Amino acid sequence: MIEMDNVIIWGIILGGMLATYATRLSFIALIRYERLPKLFQRGLRYVPPAILAALIFPELVRPTGALSLSLSNHRLMAGLIATLVSWRTKNIWLTISAGMVVLWLLSSI
């Protein structure tokens, strides 16, 4: 027999999933990109880098949960090198590889 609490919890989870999916789908399915104002289109170009930065930056400056801006923070050093490689080469694979190699080298010392 199914407990009523489980039904309620699963109903909330599924309802939240559907609501999230519907709001995101509405932007994709109902509004054509060409019909958006130019200012809005230009702003949308910055959404992926902003989200990526929001996900990565805290891991670079707070690897243990406390702020660490020293040279002993291997993640921060690898991130800075990766940033420089990205800025100079504009090559995502080279950027990822450089960051991973630097992190691996610093961690193995």
PDB file of N, CA and C in Angstrom:
ATOM      1  N   MET A   1       0.837  -1.188   0.000  1.00  0.00           N
ATOM      2  CA  MET A   1       0.000   0.000   0.000  1.00  0.00           C
ATOM      3  C   MET A   1       0.881   1.251   0.000  1.00  0.00           C
ATOM      4  N   ILE A   2       0.513   2.216  -0.805  1.00  0.00           N
ATOM      5  CA  ILE A   2       1.287   3.445  -0.936  1.00  0.00           C
ATOM      6  C   ILE A   2       0.887   4.417   0.168  1.00  0.00           C
ATOM      7  N   GLU A   3       1.908   4.960   0.829  1.00  0.00           N
ATOM      8  CA  GLU A   3       1.634   5.947   1.865  1.00  0.00           C
ATOM      9  C   GLU A   3       1.271   7.283   1.234  1.00  0.00           C
ATOM     10  N   MET A   4       0.358   7.977   1.858  1.00  0.00           N
ATOM     11  CA  MET A   4      -0.112   9.251   1.321  1.00  0.00           C
ATOM     12  C   MET A   4       0.995  10.295   1.299  1.00  0.00           C
ATOM     13  N   ASP A   5       1.919  10.252   2.281  1.00  0.00           N
ATOM     14  CA  ASP A   5       3.015  11.216   2.319  1.00  0.00           C
ATOM     15  C   ASP A   5       3.891  11.094   1.077  1.00  0.00           C
ATOM     16  N   ASN A   6       4.163   9.862   0.646  1.00  0.00           N
ATOM     17  CA  ASN A   6       4.972   9.657  -0.551  1.00  0.00           C
ATOM     18  C   ASN A   6       4.273  10.200  -1.791  1.00  0.00           C
ATOM     19  N   VAL A   7       2.980  10.025  -1.877  1.00  0.00           N
ATOM     20  CA  VAL A   7       2.219  10.535  -3.018  1.00  0.00           C
ATOM     21  C   VAL A   7       2.295  12.057  -3.062  1.00  0.00           C
ATOM     22  N   ILE A   8       2.172  12.695  -1.920  1.00  0.00           N
ATOM     23  CA  ILE A   8       2.243  14.152  -1.855  1.00  0.00           C
ATOM     24  C   ILE A   8       3.631  14.644  -2.247  1.00  0.00           C
ATOM     25  N   ILE A   9       4.655  14.015  -1.714  1.00  0.00           N
ATOM     26  CA  ILE A   9       6.033  14.416  -2.024  1.00  0.00           C
ATOM     27  C   ILE A   9       6.308  14.256  -3.514  1.00  0.00           C
ATOM     28  N   TRP A  10       5.926  13.110  -4.085  1.00  0.00           N
ATOM     29  CA  TRP A  10       6.155  12.885  -5.516  1.00  0.00           C
ATOM     30  C   TRP A  10       5.310  13.831  -6.367  1.00  0.00           C
ATOM     31  N   GLY A  11       4.136  14.165  -5.900  1.00  0.00           N
ATOM     32  CA  GLY A  11       3.307  15.130  -6.618  1.00  0.00           C
ATOM     33  C   GLY A  11       3.952  16.506  -6.647  1.00  0.00           C
ATOM     34  N   ILE A  12       4.550  16.918  -5.529  1.00  0.00           N
ATOM     35  CA  ILE A  12       5.240  18.204  -5.468  1.00  0.00           C
ATOM     36  C   ILE A  12       6.450  18.195  -6.396  1.00  0.00           C
ATOM     37  N   ILE A  13       7.219  17.115  -6.370  1.00  0.00           N
ATOM     38  CA  ILE A  13       8.403  17.015  -7.228  1.00  0.00           C
ATOM     39  C   ILE A  13       8.002  17.066  -8.704  1.00  0.00           C
ATOM     40  N   LEU A  14       7.031  16.269  -9.090  1.00  0.00           N
ATOM     41  CA  LEU A  14       6.593  16.245 -10.488  1.00  0.00           C
ATOM     42  C   LEU A  14       5.962  17.569 -10.913  1.00  0.00           C
ATOM     43  N   GLY A  15       5.193  18.180 -10.025  1.00  0.00           N
ATOM     44  CA  GLY A  15       4.599  19.481 -10.324  1.00  0.00           C
ATOM     45  C   GLY A  15       5.668  20.545 -10.526  1.00  0.00           C
ATOM     46  N   GLY A  16       6.683  20.531  -9.691  1.00  0.00           N
ATOM     47  CA  GLY A  16       7.794  21.469  -9.849  1.00  0.00           C
ATOM     48  C   GLY A  16       8.543  21.246 -11.145  1.00  0.00           C
ATOM     49  N   MET A  17       8.731  19.977 -11.500  1.00  0.00           N
ATOM     50  CA  MET A  17       9.403  19.657 -12.758  1.00  0.00           C
ATOM     51  C   MET A  17       8.596  20.179 -13.941  1.00  0.00           C
ATOM     52  N   LEU A  18       7.306  19.941 -13.927  1.00  0.00           N
ATOM     53  CA  LEU A  18       6.458  20.395 -15.031  1.00  0.00           C
ATOM     54  C   LEU A  18       6.414  21.917 -15.135  1.00  0.00           C
ATOM     55  N   ALA A  19       6.335  22.587 -14.001  1.00  0.00           N
ATOM     56  CA  ALA A  19       6.301  24.049 -14.013  1.00  0.00           C
ATOM     57  C   ALA A  19       7.607  24.622 -14.551  1.00  0.00           C
ATOM     58  N   THR A  20       8.729  24.052 -14.131  1.00  0.00           N
ATOM     59  CA  THR A  20      10.029  24.506 -14.620  1.00  0.00           C
ATOM     60  C   THR A  20      10.156  24.257 -16.114  1.00  0.00           C
ATOM     61  N   TYR A  21       9.771  23.081 -16.550  1.00  0.00           N
ATOM     62  CA  TYR A  21       9.858  22.733 -17.968  1.00  0.00           C
ATOM     63  C   TYR A  21       8.964  23.652 -18.806  1.00  0.00           C
ATOM     64  N   ALA A  22       7.764  23.916 -18.321  1.00  0.00           N
ATOM     65  CA  ALA A  22       6.824  24.746 -19.077  1.00  0.00           C
ATOM     66  C   ALA A  22       7.332  26.175 -19.220  1.00  0.00           C
ATOM     67  N   THR A  23       7.912  26.734 -18.158  1.00  0.00           N
ATOM     68  CA  THR A  23       8.407  28.111 -18.254  1.00  0.00           C
ATOM     69  C   THR A  23       9.598  28.205 -19.201  1.00  0.00           C
ATOM     70  N   ARG A  24      10.472  27.214 -19.177  1.00  0.00           N
ATOM     71  CA  ARG A  24      11.621  27.243 -20.091  1.00  0.00           C
ATOM     72  C   ARG A  24      11.193  26.973 -21.527  1.00  0.00           C
ATOM     73  N   LEU A  25      10.253  26.072 -21.709  1.00  0.00           N
ATOM     74  CA  LEU A  25       9.767  25.757 -23.045  1.00  0.00           C
ATOM     75  C   LEU A  25       9.054  26.956 -23.659  1.00  0.00           C
ATOM     76  N   SER A  26       8.376  27.740 -22.830  1.00  0.00           N
ATOM     77  CA  SER A  26       7.651  28.885 -23.365  1.00  0.00           C
ATOM     78  C   SER A  26       8.591  29.867 -24.044  1.00  0.00           C
ATOM     79  N   PHE A  27       9.792  30.062 -23.510  1.00  0.00           N
ATOM     80  CA  PHE A  27      10.760  30.947 -24.140  1.00  0.00           C
ATOM     81  C   PHE A  27      11.233  30.386 -25.470  1.00  0.00           C
ATOM     82  N   ILE A  28      11.409  29.071 -25.526  1.00  0.00           N
ATOM     83  CA  ILE A  28      11.943  28.443 -26.733  1.00  0.00           C
ATOM     84  C   ILE A  28      10.861  28.286 -27.797  1.00  0.00           C
ATOM     85  N   ALA A  29       9.688  27.825 -27.408  1.00  0.00           N
ATOM     86  CA  ALA A  29       8.660  27.468 -28.385  1.00  0.00           C
ATOM     87  C   ALA A  29       7.770  28.638 -28.805  1.00  0.00           C
ATOM     88  N   LEU A  30       7.515  29.552 -27.906  1.00  0.00           N
ATOM     89  CA  LEU A  30       6.534  30.594 -28.208  1.00  0.00           C
ATOM     90  C   LEU A  30       7.132  31.888 -28.746  1.00  0.00           C
ATOM     91  N   ILE A  31       8.377  32.164 -28.406  1.00  0.00           N
ATOM     92  CA  ILE A  31       8.987  33.419 -28.825  1.00  0.00           C
ATOM     93  C   ILE A  31      10.141  33.112 -29.769  1.00  0.00           C
ATOM     94  N   ARG A  32      10.067  33.619 -30.964  1.00  0.00           N
ATOM     95  CA  ARG A  32      11.148  33.425 -31.927  1.00  0.00           C
ATOM     96  C   ARG A  32      12.281  34.387 -31.594  1.00  0.00           C
ATOM     97  N   TYR A  33      13.490  33.892 -31.704  1.00  0.00           N
ATOM     98  CA  TYR A  33      14.681  34.684 -31.368  1.00  0.00           C
ATOM     99  C   TYR A  33      14.736  35.989 -32.162  1.00  0.00           C
ATOM    100  N   GLU A  34      14.347  35.932 -33.428  1.00  0.00           N
ATOM    101  CA  GLU A  34      14.411  37.107 -34.284  1.00  0.00           C
ATOM    102  C   GLU A  34      13.456  38.210 -33.843  1.00  0.00           C
ATOM    103  N   ARG A  35      12.409  37.849 -33.120  1.00  0.00           N
ATOM    104  CA  ARG A  35      11.412  38.832 -32.696  1.00  0.00           C
ATOM    105  C   ARG A  35      11.787  39.528 -31.389  1.00  0.00           C
ATOM    106  N   LEU A  36      12.809  39.030 -30.727  1.00  0.00           N
ATOM    107  CA  LEU A  36      13.246  39.663 -29.485  1.00  0.00           C
ATOM    108  C   LEU A  36      13.932  40.981 -29.799  1.00  0.00           C
ATOM    109  N   PRO A  37      13.825  41.965 -28.911  1.00  0.00           N
ATOM    110  CA  PRO A  37      14.536  43.226 -29.120  1.00  0.00           C
ATOM    111  C   PRO A  37      16.052  42.993 -29.207  1.00  0.00           C
ATOM    112  N   LYS A  38      16.729  43.810 -29.997  1.00  0.00           N
ATOM    113  CA  LYS A  38      18.181  43.664 -30.196  1.00  0.00           C
ATOM    114  C   LYS A  38      18.942  43.727 -28.876  1.00  0.00           C
ATOM    115  N   LEU A  39      18.527  44.595 -27.982  1.00  0.00           N
ATOM    116  CA  LEU A  39      19.201  44.715 -26.690  1.00  0.00           C
ATOM    117  C   LEU A  39      19.087  43.405 -25.909  1.00  0.00           C
ATOM    118  N   PHE A  40      17.933  42.795 -25.951  1.00  0.00           N
ATOM    119  CA  PHE A  40      17.710  41.519 -25.260  1.00  0.00           C
ATOM    120  C   PHE A  40      18.546  40.411 -25.899  1.00  0.00           C
ATOM    121  N   GLN A  41      18.608  40.385 -27.236  1.00  0.00           N
ATOM    122  CA  GLN A  41      19.417  39.386 -27.934  1.00  0.00           C
ATOM    123  C   GLN A  41      20.886  39.523 -27.546  1.00  0.00           C
ATOM    124  N   ARG A  42      21.356  40.761 -27.488  1.00  0.00           N
ATOM    125  CA  ARG A  42      22.749  40.996 -27.123  1.00  0.00           C
ATOM    126  C   ARG A  42      23.017  40.550 -25.683  1.00  0.00           C
ATOM    127  N   GLY A  43      22.063  40.789 -24.800  1.00  0.00           N
ATOM    128  CA  GLY A  43      22.214  40.372 -23.408  1.00  0.00           C
ATOM    129  C   GLY A  43      22.211  38.868 -23.237  1.00  0.00           C
ATOM    130  N   LEU A  44      21.451  38.165 -24.064  1.00  0.00           N
ATOM    131  CA  LEU A  44      21.390  36.702 -23.972  1.00  0.00           C
ATOM    132  C   LEU A  44      22.726  36.037 -24.293  1.00  0.00           C
ATOM    133  N   ARG A  45      23.567  36.708 -25.052  1.00  0.00           N
ATOM    134  CA  ARG A  45      24.886  36.143 -25.376  1.00  0.00           C
ATOM    135  C   ARG A  45      25.745  35.987 -24.132  1.00  0.00           C
ATOM    136  N   TYR A  46      25.491  36.771 -23.099  1.00  0.00           N
ATOM    137  CA  TYR A  46      26.312  36.745 -21.897  1.00  0.00           C
ATOM    138  C   TYR A  46      25.789  35.793 -20.822  1.00  0.00           C
ATOM    139  N   VAL A  47      24.655  35.176 -21.059  1.00  0.00           N
ATOM    140  CA  VAL A  47      24.085  34.274 -20.054  1.00  0.00           C
ATOM    141  C   VAL A  47      24.962  33.036 -19.821  1.00  0.00           C
ATOM    142  N   PRO A  48      25.378  32.291 -20.861  1.00  0.00           N
ATOM    143  CA  PRO A  48      26.213  31.110 -20.598  1.00  0.00           C
ATOM    144  C   PRO A  48      27.525  31.421 -19.871  1.00  0.00           C
ATOM    145  N   PRO A  49      28.300  32.462 -20.270  1.00  0.00           N
ATOM    146  CA  PRO A  49      29.517  32.738 -19.506  1.00  0.00           C
ATOM    147  C   PRO A  49      29.224  33.144 -18.061  1.00  0.00           C
ATOM    148  N   ALA A  50      28.137  33.859 -17.837  1.00  0.00           N
ATOM    149  CA  ALA A  50      27.802  34.281 -16.477  1.00  0.00           C
ATOM    150  C   ALA A  50      27.449  33.083 -15.604  1.00  0.00           C
ATOM    151  N   ILE A  51      26.698  32.148 -16.157  1.00  0.00           N
ATOM    152  CA  ILE A  51      26.340  30.953 -15.398  1.00  0.00           C
ATOM    153  C   ILE A  51      27.572  30.108 -15.121  1.00  0.00           C
ATOM    154  N   LEU A  52      28.415  29.948 -16.127  1.00  0.00           N
ATOM    155  CA  LEU A  52      29.642  29.169 -15.949  1.00  0.00           C
ATOM    156  C   LEU A  52      30.531  29.807 -14.887  1.00  0.00           C
ATOM    157  N   ALA A  53      30.677  31.111 -14.919  1.00  0.00           N
ATOM    158  CA  ALA A  53      31.486  31.797 -13.917  1.00  0.00           C
ATOM    159  C   ALA A  53      30.895  31.630 -12.520  1.00  0.00           C
ATOM    160  N   ALA A  54      29.580  31.699 -12.409  1.00  0.00           N
ATOM    161  CA  ALA A  54      28.932  31.539 -11.101  1.00  0.00           C
ATOM    162  C   ALA A  54      29.123  30.132 -10.549  1.00  0.00           C
ATOM    163  N   LEU A  55      29.255  29.149 -11.414  1.00  0.00           N
ATOM    164  CA  LEU A  55      29.475  27.777 -10.958  1.00  0.00           C
ATOM    165  C   LEU A  55      30.942  27.512 -10.615  1.00  0.00           C
ATOM    166  N   ILE A  56      31.862  28.071 -11.379  1.00  0.00           N
ATOM    167  CA  ILE A  56      33.275  27.757 -11.222  1.00  0.00           C
ATOM    168  C   ILE A  56      33.974  28.646 -10.200  1.00  0.00           C
ATOM    169  N   PHE A  57      33.702  29.933 -10.192  1.00  0.00           N
ATOM    170  CA  PHE A  57      34.430  30.879  -9.349  1.00  0.00           C
ATOM    171  C   PHE A  57      34.457  30.507  -7.860  1.00  0.00           C
ATOM    172  N   PRO A  58      33.333  30.127  -7.250  1.00  0.00           N
ATOM    173  CA  PRO A  58      33.394  29.750  -5.830  1.00  0.00           C
ATOM    174  C   PRO A  58      34.328  28.563  -5.561  1.00  0.00           C
ATOM    175  N   GLU A  59      34.406  27.623  -6.506  1.00  0.00           N
ATOM    176  CA  GLU A  59      35.296  26.480  -6.327  1.00  0.00           C
ATOM    177  C   GLU A  59      36.762  26.880  -6.418  1.00  0.00           C
ATOM    178  N   LEU A  60      37.040  27.961  -7.136  1.00  0.00           N
ATOM    179  CA  LEU A  60      38.425  28.417  -7.252  1.00  0.00           C
ATOM    180  C   LEU A  60      38.885  29.179  -6.023  1.00  0.00           C
ATOM    181  N   VAL A  61      38.045  30.017  -5.473  1.00  0.00           N
ATOM    182  CA  VAL A  61      38.463  30.865  -4.355  1.00  0.00           C
ATOM    183  C   VAL A  61      38.112  30.292  -2.986  1.00  0.00           C
ATOM    184  N   ARG A  62      37.266  29.259  -2.945  1.00  0.00           N
ATOM    185  CA  ARG A  62      36.896  28.631  -1.669  1.00  0.00           C
ATOM    186  C   ARG A  62      36.929  27.108  -1.797  1.00  0.00           C
ATOM    187  N   PRO A  63      38.088  26.517  -2.090  1.00  0.00           N
ATOM    188  CA  PRO A  63      38.131  25.070  -2.305  1.00  0.00           C
ATOM    189  C   PRO A  63      37.822  24.249  -1.054  1.00  0.00           C
ATOM    190  N   THR A  64      38.087  24.811   0.120  1.00  0.00           N
ATOM    191  CA  THR A  64      37.808  24.088   1.369  1.00  0.00           C
ATOM    192  C   THR A  64      36.642  24.689   2.135  1.00  0.00           C
ATOM    193  N   GLY A  65      35.992  25.676   1.559  1.00  0.00           N
ATOM    194  CA  GLY A  65      34.869  26.324   2.224  1.00  0.00           C
ATOM    195  C   GLY A  65      35.234  27.682   2.779  1.00  0.00           C
ATOM    196  N   ALA A  66      36.530  27.918   2.994  1.00  0.00           N
ATOM    197  CA  ALA A  66      36.995  29.220   3.481  1.00  0.00           C
ATOM    198  C   ALA A  66      37.731  29.929   2.344  1.00  0.00           C
ATOM    199  N   LEU A  67      37.652  31.242   2.335  1.00  0.00           N
ATOM    200  CA  LEU A  67      38.298  32.023   1.289  1.00  0.00           C
ATOM    201  C   LEU A  67      39.804  31.774   1.288  1.00  0.00           C
ATOM    202  N   SER A  68      40.353  31.434   0.124  1.00  0.00           N
ATOM    203  CA  SER A  68      41.781  31.149  -0.010  1.00  0.00           C
ATOM    204  C   SER A  68      42.302  31.810  -1.279  1.00  0.00           C
ATOM    205  N   LEU A  69      42.982  32.937  -1.123  1.00  0.00           N
ATOM    206  CA  LEU A  69      43.521  33.673  -2.262  1.00  0.00           C
ATOM    207  C   LEU A  69      45.049  33.619  -2.289  1.00  0.00           C
ATOM    208  N   SER A  70      45.628  32.559  -1.757  1.00  0.00           N
ATOM    209  CA  SER A  70      47.086  32.439  -1.684  1.00  0.00           C
ATOM    210  C   SER A  70      47.633  31.602  -2.836  1.00  0.00           C
ATOM    211  N   LEU A  71      48.960  31.602  -2.967  1.00  0.00           N
ATOM    212  CA  LEU A  71      49.620  30.805  -3.985  1.00  0.00           C
ATOM    213  C   LEU A  71      49.508  29.308  -3.700  1.00  0.00           C
ATOM    214  N   SER A  72      49.168  28.950  -2.488  1.00  0.00           N
ATOM    215  CA  SER A  72      49.027  27.537  -2.151  1.00  0.00           C
ATOM    216  C   SER A  72      47.675  26.957  -2.589  1.00  0.00           C
ATOM    217  N   ASN A  73      46.795  27.809  -3.079  1.00  0.00           N
ATOM    218  CA  ASN A  73      45.500  27.362  -3.595  1.00  0.00           C
ATOM    219  C   ASN A  73      45.706  26.884  -5.036  1.00  0.00           C
ATOM    220  N   HIS A  74      45.874  25.579  -5.188  1.00  0.00           N
ATOM    221  CA  HIS A  74      46.175  25.001  -6.494  1.00  0.00           C
ATOM    222  C   HIS A  74      45.062  25.223  -7.511  1.00  0.00           C
ATOM    223  N   ARG A  75      43.849  25.161  -7.067  1.00  0.00           N
ATOM    224  CA  ARG A  75      42.722  25.367  -7.988  1.00  0.00           C
ATOM    225  C   ARG A  75      42.711  26.785  -8.541  1.00  0.00           C
ATOM    226  N   LEU A  76      42.983  27.749  -7.683  1.00  0.00           N
ATOM    227  CA  LEU A  76      43.007  29.140  -8.121  1.00  0.00           C
ATOM    228  C   LEU A  76      44.136  29.365  -9.120  1.00  0.00           C
ATOM    229  N   MET A  77      45.312  28.807  -8.836  1.00  0.00           N
ATOM    230  CA  MET A  77      46.441  28.961  -9.754  1.00  0.00           C
ATOM    231  C   MET A  77      46.137  28.313 -11.114  1.00  0.00           C
ATOM    232  N   ALA A  78      45.554  27.125 -11.096  1.00  0.00           N
ATOM    233  CA  ALA A  78      45.192  26.445 -12.347  1.00  0.00           C
ATOM    234  C   ALA A  78      44.126  27.245 -13.091  1.00  0.00           C
ATOM    235  N   GLY A  79      43.187  27.811 -12.364  1.00  0.00           N
ATOM    236  CA  GLY A  79      42.153  28.641 -12.988  1.00  0.00           C
ATOM    237  C   GLY A  79      42.720  29.902 -13.614  1.00  0.00           C
ATOM    238  N   LEU A  80      43.691  30.511 -12.968  1.00  0.00           N
ATOM    239  CA  LEU A  80      44.322  31.706 -13.528  1.00  0.00           C
ATOM    240  C   LEU A  80      45.101  31.377 -14.796  1.00  0.00           C
ATOM    241  N   ILE A  81      45.824  30.254 -14.779  1.00  0.00           N
ATOM    242  CA  ILE A  81      46.546  29.828 -15.979  1.00  0.00           C
ATOM    243  C   ILE A  81      45.558  29.519 -17.104  1.00  0.00           C
ATOM    244  N   ALA A  82      44.484  28.821 -16.778  1.00  0.00           N
ATOM    245  CA  ALA A  82      43.470  28.498 -17.787  1.00  0.00           C
ATOM    246  C   ALA A  82      42.849  29.771 -18.353  1.00  0.00           C
ATOM    247  N   THR A  83      42.641  30.767 -17.505  1.00  0.00           N
ATOM    248  CA  THR A  83      42.091  32.044 -17.969  1.00  0.00           C
ATOM    249  C   THR A  83      43.042  32.721 -18.951  1.00  0.00           C
ATOM    250  N   LEU A  84      44.331  32.711 -18.628  1.00  0.00           N
ATOM    251  CA  LEU A  84      45.320  33.304 -19.529  1.00  0.00           C
ATOM    252  C   LEU A  84      45.381  32.558 -20.861  1.00  0.00           C
ATOM    253  N   VAL A  85      45.350  31.240 -20.807  1.00  0.00           N
ATOM    254  CA  VAL A  85      45.372  30.443 -22.038  1.00  0.00           C
ATOM    255  C   VAL A  85      44.127  30.735 -22.870  1.00  0.00           C
ATOM    256  N   SER A  86      42.989  30.830 -22.227  1.00  0.00           N
ATOM    257  CA  SER A  86      41.740  31.122 -22.928  1.00  0.00           C
ATOM    258  C   SER A  86      41.789  32.495 -23.582  1.00  0.00           C
ATOM    259  N   TRP A  87      42.290  33.453 -22.851  1.00  0.00           N
ATOM    260  CA  TRP A  87      42.363  34.829 -23.358  1.00  0.00           C
ATOM    261  C   TRP A  87      43.281  34.929 -24.569  1.00  0.00           C
ATOM    262  N   ARG A  88      44.415  34.214 -24.513  1.00  0.00           N
ATOM    263  CA  ARG A  88      45.389  34.302 -25.601  1.00  0.00           C
ATOM    264  C   ARG A  88      45.021  33.453 -26.815  1.00  0.00           C
ATOM    265  N   THR A  89      44.461  32.248 -26.584  1.00  0.00           N
ATOM    266  CA  THR A  89      44.254  31.318 -27.701  1.00  0.00           C
ATOM    267  C   THR A  89      42.820  31.236 -28.185  1.00  0.00           C
ATOM    268  N   LYS A  90      41.851  31.546 -27.317  1.00  0.00           N
ATOM    269  CA  LYS A  90      40.422  31.403 -27.646  1.00  0.00           C
ATOM    270  C   LYS A  90      40.079  29.959 -28.030  1.00  0.00           C
ATOM    271  N   ASN A  91      40.814  28.996 -27.477  1.00  0.00           N
ATOM    272  CA  ASN A  91      40.638  27.578 -27.780  1.00  0.00           C
ATOM    273  C   ASN A  91      40.172  26.868 -26.509  1.00  0.00           C
ATOM    274  N   ILE A  92      38.940  26.375 -26.500  1.00  0.00           N
ATOM    275  CA  ILE A  92      38.375  25.779 -25.293  1.00  0.00           C
ATOM    276  C   ILE A  92      39.111  24.511 -24.878  1.00  0.00           C
ATOM    277  N   TRP A  93      39.506  23.688 -25.852  1.00  0.00           N
ATOM    278  CA  TRP A  93      40.191  22.426 -25.519  1.00  0.00           C
ATOM    279  C   TRP A  93      41.573  22.686 -24.943  1.00  0.00           C
ATOM    280  N   LEU A  94      42.272  23.645 -25.475  1.00  0.00           N
ATOM    281  CA  LEU A  94      43.580  24.004 -24.942  1.00  0.00           C
ATOM    282  C   LEU A  94      43.436  24.606 -23.546  1.00  0.00           C
ATOM    283  N   THR A  95      42.396  25.381 -23.343  1.00  0.00           N
ATOM    284  CA  THR A  95      42.133  25.978 -22.031  1.00  0.00           C
ATOM    285  C   THR A  95      41.874  24.908 -20.986  1.00  0.00           C
ATOM    286  N   ILE A  96      40.999  23.967 -21.297  1.00  0.00           N
ATOM    287  CA  ILE A  96      40.680  22.890 -20.361  1.00  0.00           C
ATOM    288  C   ILE A  96      41.919  22.048 -20.082  1.00  0.00           C
ATOM    289  N   SER A  97      42.648  21.722 -21.133  1.00  0.00           N
ATOM    290  CA  SER A  97      43.852  20.900 -20.972  1.00  0.00           C
ATOM    291  C   SER A  97      44.892  21.605 -20.116  1.00  0.00           C
ATOM    292  N   ALA A  98      45.115  22.879 -20.380  1.00  0.00           N
ATOM    293  CA  ALA A  98      46.104  23.632 -19.601  1.00  0.00           C
ATOM    294  C   ALA A  98      45.704  23.686 -18.129  1.00  0.00           C
ATOM    295  N   GLY A  99      44.450  23.972 -17.856  1.00  0.00           N
ATOM    296  CA  GLY A  99      43.991  24.016 -16.469  1.00  0.00           C
ATOM    297  C   GLY A  99      44.135  22.685 -15.767  1.00  0.00           C
ATOM    298  N   MET A 100      43.801  21.610 -16.470  1.00  0.00           N
ATOM    299  CA  MET A 100      43.905  20.275 -15.865  1.00  0.00           C
ATOM    300  C   MET A 100      45.361  19.888 -15.612  1.00  0.00           C
ATOM    301  N   VAL A 101      46.236  20.175 -16.574  1.00  0.00           N
ATOM    302  CA  VAL A 101      47.655  19.829 -16.415  1.00  0.00           C
ATOM    303  C   VAL A 101      48.271  20.626 -15.265  1.00  0.00           C
ATOM    304  N   VAL A 102      47.985  21.923 -15.204  1.00  0.00           N
ATOM    305  CA  VAL A 102      48.531  22.748 -14.127  1.00  0.00           C
ATOM    306  C   VAL A 102      48.016  22.269 -12.773  1.00  0.00           C
ATOM    307  N   LEU A 103      46.727  21.967 -12.666  1.00  0.00           N
ATOM    308  CA  LEU A 103      46.184  21.465 -11.416  1.00  0.00           C
ATOM    309  C   LEU A 103      46.822  20.136 -11.029  1.00  0.00           C
ATOM    310  N   TRP A 104      46.999  19.258 -11.991  1.00  0.00           N
ATOM    311  CA  TRP A 104      47.623  17.966 -11.737  1.00  0.00           C
ATOM    312  C   TRP A 104      49.074  18.137 -11.275  1.00  0.00           C
ATOM    313  N   LEU A 105      49.820  19.015 -11.957  1.00  0.00           N
ATOM    314  CA  LEU A 105      51.216  19.248 -11.572  1.00  0.00           C
ATOM    315  C   LEU A 105      51.331  19.862 -10.182  1.00  0.00           C
ATOM    316  N   LEU A 106      50.512  20.865  -9.900  1.00  0.00           N
ATOM    317  CA  LEU A 106      50.564  21.500  -8.591  1.00  0.00           C
ATOM    318  C   LEU A 106      50.131  20.548  -7.479  1.00  0.00           C
ATOM    319  N   SER A 107      49.165  19.707  -7.747  1.00  0.00           N
ATOM    320  CA  SER A 107      48.683  18.765  -6.737  1.00  0.00           C
ATOM    321  C   SER A 107      49.680  17.636  -6.487  1.00  0.00           C
ATOM    322  N   SER A 108      50.518  17.347  -7.468  1.00  0.00           N
ATOM    323  CA  SER A 108      51.471  16.246  -7.300  1.00  0.00           C
ATOM    324  C   SER A 108      52.756  16.670  -6.604  1.00  0.00           C
ATOM    325  N   ILE A 109      52.923  17.976  -6.407  1.00  0.00           N
ATOM    326  CA  ILE A 109      54.137  18.475  -5.735  1.00  0.00           C
ATOM    327  C   ILE A 109      54.044  18.245  -4.244  1.00  0.00           C
TER     328      ILE A 109
END
